[in-house]
Amino acid sequence: MFARQLLALAALSSLTMSNSCKKADDPAPCMTSADVPATQLEGFTAVISEPLPNVGQSNEYVVNSTAEYRQLFAGDKLPAVDFATHTLLAGKTRAPTCSHVLTQQVTQACTGYTYRVRLVAGPCAMPTNVVYYVVIPKVALAAKVKFDVQMQQGAASEGVSTITELK
């Protein structure tokens, strides 16, 4: 009787220990962030017709189909985007002054994607809508995309690619 109890206890201990050890096929924890290649559409002047009523507000879009693309952007001749292999990230921010995009960057981390846009204020005091976008490799429908749009004062504006609508 005592031998059976010892045998059962040993078997239970062995089973418990094997479940507590990390297995070789467990995925490694994700602790990195990487830049995602982002491109602009050649000759595209992006105009998003949806209004923004208040300064400081932004609208954010993750576009994964031609239908969404045509619905979002105004114009009869939109540049072709292959939505089977690409996603279009876009936004529109109401800035307190005439502003434009200084930099754009998309990074991918364990929790999803971050689209960082840095706007720079221009010399005029007229509020403007700033439209920005990038085309990136296809993003899964379930992936989270965070938009991080910030206004910077007095930065240089060389090499800027964006569209500013005066309204």
N, C-alpha and C. Protein backbone atom coordinates (compact mmCIF):
# COMPACT_ATOMS: atom_id res chain seq x y z
N MET A 1 0.82 -1.18 0.00
CA MET A 1 0.00 0.00 0.00
C MET A 1 0.88 1.26 0.00
N PHE A 2 1.89 1.30 0.87
CA PHE A 2 2.78 2.42 0.97
C PHE A 2 3.56 2.61 -0.34
N ALA A 3 3.91 1.54 -1.01
CA ALA A 3 4.65 1.60 -2.28
C ALA A 3 3.79 2.22 -3.36
N ARG A 4 2.49 1.88 -3.38
CA ARG A 4 1.59 2.47 -4.37
C ARG A 4 1.46 4.00 -4.15
N GLN A 5 1.38 4.39 -2.90
CA GLN A 5 1.27 5.82 -2.62
C GLN A 5 2.52 6.56 -3.05
N LEU A 6 3.68 5.98 -2.80
CA LEU A 6 4.93 6.60 -3.22
C LEU A 6 5.02 6.67 -4.74
N LEU A 7 4.62 5.60 -5.40
CA LEU A 7 4.63 5.55 -6.86
C LEU A 7 3.68 6.60 -7.44
N ALA A 8 2.47 6.71 -6.88
CA ALA A 8 1.50 7.69 -7.35
C ALA A 8 2.03 9.11 -7.11
N LEU A 9 2.63 9.35 -5.95
CA LEU A 9 3.18 10.66 -5.63
C LEU A 9 4.32 11.01 -6.58
N ALA A 10 5.17 10.08 -6.89
CA ALA A 10 6.28 10.30 -7.81
C ALA A 10 5.76 10.61 -9.21
N ALA A 11 4.75 9.88 -9.65
CA ALA A 11 4.17 10.12 -10.98
C ALA A 11 3.53 11.50 -11.05
N LEU A 12 2.81 11.88 -10.01
CA LEU A 12 2.15 13.18 -9.96
C LEU A 12 3.18 14.31 -9.94
N SER A 13 4.26 14.14 -9.16
CA SER A 13 5.32 15.14 -9.11
C SER A 13 5.98 15.30 -10.46
N SER A 14 6.24 14.21 -11.13
CA SER A 14 6.87 14.24 -12.45
C SER A 14 5.98 14.95 -13.45
N LEU A 15 4.69 14.67 -13.42
CA LEU A 15 3.74 15.30 -14.32
C LEU A 15 3.66 16.81 -14.06
N THR A 16 3.62 17.20 -12.81
CA THR A 16 3.55 18.61 -12.44
C THR A 16 4.80 19.34 -12.90
N MET A 17 5.96 18.75 -12.71
CA MET A 17 7.21 19.39 -13.12
C MET A 17 7.29 19.52 -14.63
N SER A 18 6.81 18.53 -15.37
CA SER A 18 6.91 18.60 -16.82
C SER A 18 5.99 19.70 -17.37
N ASN A 19 4.89 19.99 -16.71
CA ASN A 19 4.00 21.06 -17.15
C ASN A 19 4.51 22.44 -16.78
N SER A 20 5.36 22.52 -15.76
CA SER A 20 5.85 23.83 -15.34
C SER A 20 7.08 24.27 -16.13
N CYS A 21 7.74 23.36 -16.79
CA CYS A 21 8.94 23.71 -17.56
C CYS A 21 8.53 24.28 -18.91
N LYS A 22 9.33 25.21 -19.42
CA LYS A 22 9.07 25.79 -20.73
C LYS A 22 9.43 24.77 -21.79
N LYS A 23 8.54 24.59 -22.72
CA LYS A 23 8.78 23.64 -23.80
C LYS A 23 9.58 24.32 -24.90
N ALA A 24 10.33 23.54 -25.64
CA ALA A 24 11.19 24.07 -26.69
C ALA A 24 10.38 24.70 -27.82
N ASP A 25 9.15 24.25 -28.05
CA ASP A 25 8.36 24.77 -29.16
C ASP A 25 7.50 25.97 -28.78
N ASP A 26 7.60 26.46 -27.53
CA ASP A 26 6.87 27.66 -27.13
C ASP A 26 7.44 28.85 -27.90
N PRO A 27 6.57 29.75 -28.41
CA PRO A 27 7.10 30.92 -29.12
C PRO A 27 7.82 31.86 -28.16
N ALA A 28 8.87 32.47 -28.67
CA ALA A 28 9.63 33.42 -27.86
C ALA A 28 8.79 34.68 -27.65
N PRO A 29 8.93 35.32 -26.52
CA PRO A 29 8.17 36.56 -26.31
C PRO A 29 8.61 37.63 -27.29
N CYS A 30 7.67 38.40 -27.78
CA CYS A 30 7.95 39.46 -28.74
C CYS A 30 8.39 40.71 -27.98
N MET A 31 9.59 41.16 -28.24
CA MET A 31 10.10 42.32 -27.52
C MET A 31 10.74 43.31 -28.47
N THR A 32 10.42 43.23 -29.77
CA THR A 32 11.06 44.11 -30.73
C THR A 32 10.04 44.96 -31.47
N SER A 33 10.54 46.00 -32.09
CA SER A 33 9.75 46.88 -32.93
C SER A 33 10.55 47.08 -34.20
N ALA A 34 9.88 47.09 -35.35
CA ALA A 34 10.58 47.24 -36.61
C ALA A 34 9.85 48.24 -37.50
N ASP A 35 10.64 49.00 -38.28
CA ASP A 35 10.05 49.91 -39.24
C ASP A 35 9.38 49.12 -40.35
N VAL A 36 8.25 49.62 -40.82
CA VAL A 36 7.51 49.00 -41.92
C VAL A 36 7.75 49.87 -43.15
N PRO A 37 8.09 49.25 -44.31
CA PRO A 37 8.28 50.06 -45.51
C PRO A 37 6.98 50.77 -45.89
N ALA A 38 7.06 52.08 -46.04
CA ALA A 38 5.89 52.90 -46.35
C ALA A 38 6.17 53.73 -47.59
N THR A 39 5.20 53.80 -48.50
CA THR A 39 5.38 54.56 -49.73
C THR A 39 4.19 55.50 -49.95
N GLN A 40 4.41 56.48 -50.80
CA GLN A 40 3.37 57.40 -51.23
C GLN A 40 2.90 56.97 -52.63
N LEU A 41 1.75 57.44 -53.04
CA LEU A 41 1.25 57.16 -54.38
C LEU A 41 1.71 58.28 -55.30
N GLU A 42 2.39 57.94 -56.37
CA GLU A 42 2.96 58.90 -57.29
C GLU A 42 1.89 59.84 -57.85
N GLY A 43 2.10 61.14 -57.69
CA GLY A 43 1.22 62.14 -58.25
C GLY A 43 -0.16 62.23 -57.62
N PHE A 44 -0.35 61.67 -56.45
CA PHE A 44 -1.66 61.63 -55.80
C PHE A 44 -1.82 62.82 -54.87
N THR A 45 -2.86 63.61 -55.09
CA THR A 45 -3.22 64.70 -54.19
C THR A 45 -4.42 64.21 -53.40
N ALA A 46 -4.19 63.79 -52.18
CA ALA A 46 -5.24 63.18 -51.37
C ALA A 46 -6.17 64.24 -50.80
N VAL A 47 -7.46 64.02 -51.00
CA VAL A 47 -8.49 64.89 -50.45
C VAL A 47 -9.54 64.00 -49.81
N ILE A 48 -9.70 64.12 -48.50
CA ILE A 48 -10.72 63.38 -47.77
C ILE A 48 -11.87 64.35 -47.52
N SER A 49 -13.05 63.99 -48.00
CA SER A 49 -14.17 64.92 -47.94
C SER A 49 -14.84 65.01 -46.58
N GLU A 50 -14.64 64.06 -45.71
CA GLU A 50 -15.28 64.08 -44.40
C GLU A 50 -14.80 65.29 -43.59
N PRO A 51 -15.73 66.12 -43.09
CA PRO A 51 -15.32 67.33 -42.36
C PRO A 51 -14.84 67.03 -40.94
N LEU A 52 -14.02 67.94 -40.44
CA LEU A 52 -13.57 67.92 -39.04
C LEU A 52 -14.02 69.24 -38.42
N PRO A 53 -14.94 69.21 -37.48
CA PRO A 53 -15.48 70.47 -36.97
C PRO A 53 -14.58 71.25 -36.04
N ASN A 54 -13.70 70.63 -35.30
CA ASN A 54 -12.92 71.34 -34.28
C ASN A 54 -11.42 71.18 -34.49
N VAL A 55 -10.70 72.26 -34.18
CA VAL A 55 -9.24 72.21 -34.24
C VAL A 55 -8.74 71.15 -33.26
N GLY A 56 -7.77 70.38 -33.70
CA GLY A 56 -7.19 69.34 -32.85
C GLY A 56 -7.82 67.98 -33.05
N GLN A 57 -8.90 67.90 -33.79
CA GLN A 57 -9.54 66.60 -34.03
C GLN A 57 -8.89 65.93 -35.24
N SER A 58 -8.91 64.60 -35.21
CA SER A 58 -8.36 63.80 -36.31
C SER A 58 -9.32 62.67 -36.65
N ASN A 59 -9.33 62.32 -37.91
CA ASN A 59 -10.02 61.11 -38.34
C ASN A 59 -8.96 60.15 -38.86
N GLU A 60 -9.12 58.87 -38.56
CA GLU A 60 -8.12 57.86 -38.89
C GLU A 60 -8.76 56.76 -39.70
N TYR A 61 -8.03 56.25 -40.70
CA TYR A 61 -8.58 55.26 -41.61
C TYR A 61 -7.56 54.16 -41.90
N VAL A 62 -8.01 52.91 -41.84
CA VAL A 62 -7.23 51.76 -42.28
C VAL A 62 -8.01 51.19 -43.45
N VAL A 63 -7.48 51.36 -44.66
CA VAL A 63 -8.19 51.03 -45.89
C VAL A 63 -7.64 49.73 -46.45
N ASN A 64 -8.52 48.73 -46.58
CA ASN A 64 -8.10 47.41 -47.06
C ASN A 64 -8.83 46.95 -48.31
N SER A 65 -9.59 47.84 -48.95
CA SER A 65 -10.30 47.43 -50.16
C SER A 65 -10.47 48.61 -51.11
N THR A 66 -10.67 48.30 -52.37
CA THR A 66 -10.89 49.34 -53.38
C THR A 66 -12.16 50.11 -53.09
N ALA A 67 -13.19 49.45 -52.59
CA ALA A 67 -14.45 50.12 -52.27
C ALA A 67 -14.24 51.16 -51.17
N GLU A 68 -13.52 50.80 -50.11
CA GLU A 68 -13.22 51.76 -49.03
C GLU A 68 -12.38 52.93 -49.56
N TYR A 69 -11.44 52.62 -50.42
CA TYR A 69 -10.55 53.61 -51.01
C TYR A 69 -11.34 54.64 -51.81
N ARG A 70 -12.23 54.17 -52.67
CA ARG A 70 -13.04 55.07 -53.50
C ARG A 70 -14.03 55.88 -52.66
N GLN A 71 -14.53 55.29 -51.60
CA GLN A 71 -15.48 55.99 -50.73
C GLN A 71 -14.79 57.09 -49.92
N LEU A 72 -13.55 56.87 -49.53
CA LEU A 72 -12.83 57.81 -48.66
C LEU A 72 -12.27 59.01 -49.41
N PHE A 73 -11.63 58.75 -50.56
CA PHE A 73 -10.93 59.81 -51.27
C PHE A 73 -11.75 60.36 -52.41
N ALA A 74 -11.73 61.69 -52.53
CA ALA A 74 -12.43 62.35 -53.61
C ALA A 74 -11.59 62.25 -54.88
N GLY A 75 -12.26 62.30 -56.01
CA GLY A 75 -11.55 62.30 -57.29
C GLY A 75 -11.95 61.13 -58.16
N ASP A 76 -11.95 61.41 -59.46
CA ASP A 76 -12.32 60.38 -60.43
C ASP A 76 -11.17 59.44 -60.77
N LYS A 77 -9.95 59.96 -60.72
CA LYS A 77 -8.78 59.17 -61.12
C LYS A 77 -7.88 58.93 -59.91
N LEU A 78 -8.17 57.87 -59.19
CA LEU A 78 -7.34 57.50 -58.05
C LEU A 78 -6.23 56.57 -58.52
N PRO A 79 -5.02 56.75 -58.01
CA PRO A 79 -3.95 55.82 -58.37
C PRO A 79 -4.29 54.40 -57.91
N ALA A 80 -3.85 53.41 -58.66
CA ALA A 80 -4.14 52.02 -58.32
C ALA A 80 -3.37 51.59 -57.08
N VAL A 81 -4.06 50.86 -56.21
CA VAL A 81 -3.44 50.24 -55.03
C VAL A 81 -3.86 48.78 -55.04
N ASP A 82 -2.90 47.87 -54.92
CA ASP A 82 -3.20 46.44 -54.88
C ASP A 82 -3.53 46.06 -53.44
N PHE A 83 -4.83 46.02 -53.12
CA PHE A 83 -5.25 45.74 -51.75
C PHE A 83 -5.12 44.26 -51.38
N ALA A 84 -4.76 43.42 -52.32
CA ALA A 84 -4.48 42.02 -51.98
C ALA A 84 -3.14 41.93 -51.24
N THR A 85 -2.25 42.88 -51.51
CA THR A 85 -0.92 42.84 -50.90
C THR A 85 -0.59 44.08 -50.08
N HIS A 86 -1.45 45.10 -50.10
CA HIS A 86 -1.15 46.36 -49.42
C HIS A 86 -2.35 46.89 -48.64
N THR A 87 -2.05 47.74 -47.68
CA THR A 87 -3.04 48.47 -46.89
C THR A 87 -2.68 49.95 -46.97
N LEU A 88 -3.70 50.79 -47.02
CA LEU A 88 -3.48 52.23 -47.03
C LEU A 88 -3.90 52.79 -45.68
N LEU A 89 -2.98 53.46 -45.00
CA LEU A 89 -3.28 54.15 -43.74
C LEU A 89 -3.42 55.62 -44.07
N ALA A 90 -4.47 56.26 -43.58
CA ALA A 90 -4.70 57.67 -43.90
C ALA A 90 -5.32 58.37 -42.71
N GLY A 91 -5.18 59.68 -42.71
CA GLY A 91 -5.79 60.48 -41.67
C GLY A 91 -5.97 61.90 -42.12
N LYS A 92 -6.77 62.61 -41.35
CA LYS A 92 -7.03 64.02 -41.60
C LYS A 92 -7.12 64.71 -40.25
N THR A 93 -6.31 65.74 -40.06
CA THR A 93 -6.26 66.45 -38.79
C THR A 93 -6.56 67.93 -39.03
N ARG A 94 -7.37 68.50 -38.17
CA ARG A 94 -7.67 69.93 -38.24
C ARG A 94 -6.62 70.65 -37.38
N ALA A 95 -5.75 71.41 -38.04
CA ALA A 95 -4.67 72.12 -37.36
C ALA A 95 -5.05 73.58 -37.13
N PRO A 96 -4.54 74.21 -36.06
CA PRO A 96 -4.90 75.59 -35.76
C PRO A 96 -4.29 76.62 -36.72
N THR A 97 -3.23 76.24 -37.44
CA THR A 97 -2.59 77.13 -38.40
C THR A 97 -2.36 76.36 -39.69
N CYS A 98 -1.96 77.08 -40.74
CA CYS A 98 -1.61 76.35 -41.96
C CYS A 98 -0.43 75.44 -41.61
N SER A 99 -0.60 74.18 -41.84
CA SER A 99 0.39 73.17 -41.40
C SER A 99 0.61 72.16 -42.49
N HIS A 100 1.67 71.39 -42.33
CA HIS A 100 1.96 70.32 -43.27
C HIS A 100 2.70 69.19 -42.54
N VAL A 101 2.84 68.07 -43.23
CA VAL A 101 3.51 66.90 -42.65
C VAL A 101 5.01 67.11 -42.71
N LEU A 102 5.65 66.91 -41.58
CA LEU A 102 7.11 66.97 -41.50
C LEU A 102 7.69 65.57 -41.70
N THR A 103 7.19 64.59 -40.95
CA THR A 103 7.67 63.21 -41.08
C THR A 103 6.52 62.23 -40.91
N GLN A 104 6.69 61.05 -41.47
CA GLN A 104 5.75 59.94 -41.31
C GLN A 104 6.56 58.66 -41.13
N GLN A 105 6.09 57.77 -40.24
CA GLN A 105 6.79 56.52 -40.01
C GLN A 105 5.78 55.49 -39.51
N VAL A 106 5.90 54.27 -39.99
CA VAL A 106 5.07 53.17 -39.51
C VAL A 106 5.99 52.13 -38.90
N THR A 107 5.66 51.71 -37.67
CA THR A 107 6.43 50.66 -37.01
C THR A 107 5.49 49.53 -36.61
N GLN A 108 6.03 48.33 -36.56
CA GLN A 108 5.27 47.16 -36.15
C GLN A 108 5.89 46.60 -34.88
N ALA A 109 5.06 46.32 -33.89
CA ALA A 109 5.49 45.72 -32.63
C ALA A 109 4.56 44.55 -32.33
N CYS A 110 4.75 43.94 -31.19
CA CYS A 110 3.94 42.79 -30.80
C CYS A 110 2.46 43.13 -30.73
N THR A 111 2.15 44.32 -30.30
CA THR A 111 0.75 44.70 -30.08
C THR A 111 0.07 45.26 -31.31
N GLY A 112 0.80 45.44 -32.40
CA GLY A 112 0.20 45.96 -33.62
C GLY A 112 1.11 46.97 -34.30
N TYR A 113 0.50 47.92 -34.99
CA TYR A 113 1.22 48.91 -35.77
C TYR A 113 1.02 50.30 -35.17
N THR A 114 2.01 51.17 -35.36
CA THR A 114 1.89 52.57 -34.98
C THR A 114 2.26 53.42 -36.19
N TYR A 115 1.35 54.30 -36.58
CA TYR A 115 1.57 55.25 -37.67
C TYR A 115 1.83 56.61 -37.03
N ARG A 116 3.10 57.04 -37.06
CA ARG A 116 3.50 58.32 -36.45
C ARG A 116 3.56 59.40 -37.52
N VAL A 117 2.86 60.48 -37.27
CA VAL A 117 2.85 61.62 -38.19
C VAL A 117 3.23 62.85 -37.37
N ARG A 118 4.23 63.59 -37.85
CA ARG A 118 4.62 64.82 -37.20
C ARG A 118 4.26 65.97 -38.13
N LEU A 119 3.42 66.87 -37.63
CA LEU A 119 3.00 68.04 -38.39
C LEU A 119 3.82 69.23 -37.92
N VAL A 120 4.03 70.18 -38.80
CA VAL A 120 4.72 71.40 -38.44
C VAL A 120 3.83 72.58 -38.82
N ALA A 121 3.75 73.56 -37.92
CA ALA A 121 2.93 74.74 -38.15
C ALA A 121 3.60 75.66 -39.15
N GLY A 122 2.78 76.24 -40.02
CA GLY A 122 3.27 77.20 -40.99
C GLY A 122 3.12 78.62 -40.47
N PRO A 123 3.44 79.63 -41.31
CA PRO A 123 3.44 81.01 -40.86
C PRO A 123 2.06 81.67 -40.76
N CYS A 124 1.04 81.09 -41.38
CA CYS A 124 -0.27 81.76 -41.36
C CYS A 124 -1.11 81.29 -40.18
N ALA A 125 -2.10 82.09 -39.83
CA ALA A 125 -2.93 81.78 -38.67
C ALA A 125 -4.26 81.15 -39.05
N MET A 126 -4.41 80.72 -40.28
CA MET A 126 -5.67 80.14 -40.75
C MET A 126 -5.71 78.64 -40.45
N PRO A 127 -6.77 78.16 -39.77
CA PRO A 127 -6.89 76.71 -39.52
C PRO A 127 -6.95 75.94 -40.85
N THR A 128 -6.31 74.78 -40.88
CA THR A 128 -6.30 73.95 -42.09
C THR A 128 -6.54 72.49 -41.74
N ASN A 129 -7.00 71.77 -42.74
CA ASN A 129 -7.10 70.31 -42.64
C ASN A 129 -5.88 69.73 -43.31
N VAL A 130 -5.13 68.92 -42.60
CA VAL A 130 -3.95 68.28 -43.15
C VAL A 130 -4.29 66.81 -43.39
N VAL A 131 -4.12 66.38 -44.64
CA VAL A 131 -4.38 64.99 -45.02
C VAL A 131 -3.04 64.29 -45.19
N TYR A 132 -2.91 63.09 -44.65
CA TYR A 132 -1.67 62.33 -44.75
C TYR A 132 -2.03 60.87 -44.99
N TYR A 133 -1.12 60.16 -45.64
CA TYR A 133 -1.37 58.74 -45.93
C TYR A 133 -0.05 58.05 -46.26
N VAL A 134 -0.05 56.74 -46.11
CA VAL A 134 1.04 55.88 -46.56
C VAL A 134 0.46 54.54 -47.00
N VAL A 135 1.14 53.90 -47.93
CA VAL A 135 0.78 52.55 -48.37
C VAL A 135 1.84 51.62 -47.78
N ILE A 136 1.38 50.57 -47.09
CA ILE A 136 2.29 49.62 -46.44
C ILE A 136 1.92 48.20 -46.85
N PRO A 137 2.80 47.23 -46.61
CA PRO A 137 2.42 45.83 -46.86
C PRO A 137 1.16 45.48 -46.08
N LYS A 138 0.40 44.54 -46.60
CA LYS A 138 -0.92 44.17 -46.08
C LYS A 138 -0.91 43.97 -44.57
N VAL A 139 -1.91 44.57 -43.92
CA VAL A 139 -2.13 44.45 -42.48
C VAL A 139 -3.32 43.53 -42.29
N ALA A 140 -3.21 42.58 -41.38
CA ALA A 140 -4.33 41.67 -41.10
C ALA A 140 -5.52 42.48 -40.60
N LEU A 141 -6.72 42.04 -40.95
CA LEU A 141 -7.93 42.75 -40.54
C LEU A 141 -8.04 42.87 -39.03
N ALA A 142 -7.53 41.89 -38.30
CA ALA A 142 -7.61 41.90 -36.83
C ALA A 142 -6.49 42.70 -36.18
N ALA A 143 -5.50 43.16 -36.97
CA ALA A 143 -4.36 43.90 -36.40
C ALA A 143 -4.80 45.26 -35.89
N LYS A 144 -4.19 45.69 -34.80
CA LYS A 144 -4.47 47.01 -34.24
C LYS A 144 -3.52 48.02 -34.87
N VAL A 145 -4.07 49.17 -35.24
CA VAL A 145 -3.27 50.25 -35.79
C VAL A 145 -3.51 51.49 -34.94
N LYS A 146 -2.44 52.02 -34.35
CA LYS A 146 -2.53 53.21 -33.52
C LYS A 146 -1.99 54.39 -34.33
N PHE A 147 -2.73 55.48 -34.36
CA PHE A 147 -2.29 56.70 -35.03
C PHE A 147 -1.73 57.64 -33.97
N ASP A 148 -0.52 58.13 -34.19
CA ASP A 148 0.14 59.06 -33.27
C ASP A 148 0.47 60.32 -34.06
N VAL A 149 -0.41 61.33 -33.99
CA VAL A 149 -0.25 62.57 -34.75
C VAL A 149 0.08 63.69 -33.78
N GLN A 150 1.19 64.37 -34.03
CA GLN A 150 1.62 65.44 -33.12
C GLN A 150 2.04 66.67 -33.92
N MET A 151 1.77 67.83 -33.35
CA MET A 151 2.15 69.11 -33.95
C MET A 151 3.46 69.57 -33.34
N GLN A 152 4.41 69.96 -34.20
CA GLN A 152 5.67 70.51 -33.74
C GLN A 152 5.75 71.96 -34.19
N GLN A 153 6.34 72.80 -33.40
CA GLN A 153 6.46 74.22 -33.72
C GLN A 153 7.85 74.51 -34.27
N GLY A 154 7.93 75.26 -35.36
CA GLY A 154 9.19 75.79 -35.86
C GLY A 154 10.17 74.79 -36.43
N ALA A 155 9.75 73.60 -36.85
CA ALA A 155 10.69 72.63 -37.44
C ALA A 155 10.93 72.97 -38.91
N ALA A 156 12.04 72.48 -39.43
CA ALA A 156 12.35 72.68 -40.84
C ALA A 156 11.38 71.89 -41.69
N SER A 157 11.14 72.36 -42.91
CA SER A 157 10.13 71.71 -43.74
C SER A 157 10.69 71.15 -45.03
N GLU A 158 11.95 70.85 -45.11
CA GLU A 158 12.53 70.28 -46.31
C GLU A 158 12.10 68.83 -46.49
N GLY A 159 11.86 68.44 -47.73
CA GLY A 159 11.53 67.06 -48.04
C GLY A 159 10.16 66.62 -47.55
N VAL A 160 9.23 67.55 -47.42
CA VAL A 160 7.90 67.23 -46.91
C VAL A 160 7.01 66.74 -48.04
N SER A 161 6.26 65.69 -47.80
CA SER A 161 5.28 65.23 -48.78
C SER A 161 3.93 65.11 -48.09
N THR A 162 3.04 66.00 -48.42
CA THR A 162 1.71 65.98 -47.83
C THR A 162 0.77 66.85 -48.64
N ILE A 163 -0.45 66.88 -48.25
CA ILE A 163 -1.45 67.70 -48.87
C ILE A 163 -2.11 68.52 -47.76
N THR A 164 -2.25 69.80 -47.97
CA THR A 164 -2.94 70.64 -47.01
C THR A 164 -4.15 71.25 -47.70
N GLU A 165 -5.30 71.09 -47.10
CA GLU A 165 -6.52 71.70 -47.64
C GLU A 165 -6.82 72.94 -46.80
N LEU A 166 -7.02 74.04 -47.44
CA LEU A 166 -7.44 75.24 -46.73
C LEU A 166 -8.96 75.26 -46.68
N LYS A 167 -9.54 75.33 -45.49
CA LYS A 167 -10.99 75.37 -45.35
C LYS A 167 -11.37 76.21 -44.18
